[in-house]
Amino acid sequence: MEGIRVLNLTEGNETSRAISKLEILVTDIIKEIIETYNANKEADPNNP
């Protein structure tokens, strides 16, 4: 198909390193959002 590109991420090239760093960053952001949500929920249990 046109417009689809397959990347080999096992080679350890710049693309795979960037994706790995992005994965860590996104995971950290999601954890922080969940922690903030839970802290806000504990502070005001009546707030949905």
Protein backbone atom coordinates (compact mmCIF):
# COMPACT_ATOMS: atom_id res chain seq x y z
CA MET A 1 0.00 0.00 0.00
CA GLU A 2 1.13 3.49 -0.70
CA GLY A 3 1.90 5.66 2.33
CA ILE A 4 2.68 2.79 4.70
CA ARG A 5 6.21 2.36 5.94
CA VAL A 6 7.55 -0.47 8.09
CA LEU A 7 10.40 0.33 10.46
CA ASN A 8 12.73 -2.25 11.96
CA LEU A 9 13.01 -1.16 15.59
CA THR A 10 15.43 -3.92 16.60
CA GLU A 11 18.39 -2.28 14.86
CA GLY A 12 18.85 0.39 17.53
CA ASN A 13 18.79 3.29 15.09
CA GLU A 14 17.77 6.89 15.83
CA THR A 15 14.10 6.18 15.11
CA SER A 16 13.88 3.33 17.59
CA ARG A 17 15.64 5.38 20.27
CA ALA A 18 13.27 8.30 19.70
CA ILE A 19 10.22 6.03 19.92
CA SER A 20 11.59 4.49 23.11
CA LYS A 21 12.11 7.91 24.69
CA LEU A 22 8.65 8.99 23.57
CA GLU A 23 7.15 5.88 25.16
CA ILE A 24 8.79 6.73 28.50
CA LEU A 25 7.66 10.35 28.27
CA VAL A 26 4.05 9.44 27.48
CA THR A 27 3.97 6.87 30.29
CA ASP A 28 5.27 9.47 32.78
CA ILE A 29 2.70 12.03 31.63
CA ILE A 30 -0.16 9.53 31.98
CA LYS A 31 1.02 8.55 35.47
CA GLU A 32 1.16 12.21 36.49
CA ILE A 33 -2.36 12.85 35.15
CA ILE A 34 -3.72 9.85 37.08
CA GLU A 35 -1.95 10.90 40.29
CA THR A 36 -3.29 14.46 39.96
CA TYR A 37 -6.80 13.16 39.27
CA ASN A 38 -6.66 10.85 42.31
CA ALA A 39 -5.30 13.62 44.56
CA ASN A 40 -8.08 15.98 43.43
CA LYS A 41 -10.67 13.25 43.94
CA GLU A 42 -9.42 12.62 47.51
CA ALA A 43 -9.44 16.36 48.27
CA ASP A 44 -13.04 16.77 47.07
CA PRO A 45 -14.93 13.45 46.83
CA ASN A 46 -18.09 15.27 45.67
CA ASN A 47 -16.36 16.54 42.52
CA PRO A 48 -16.89 14.04 39.66
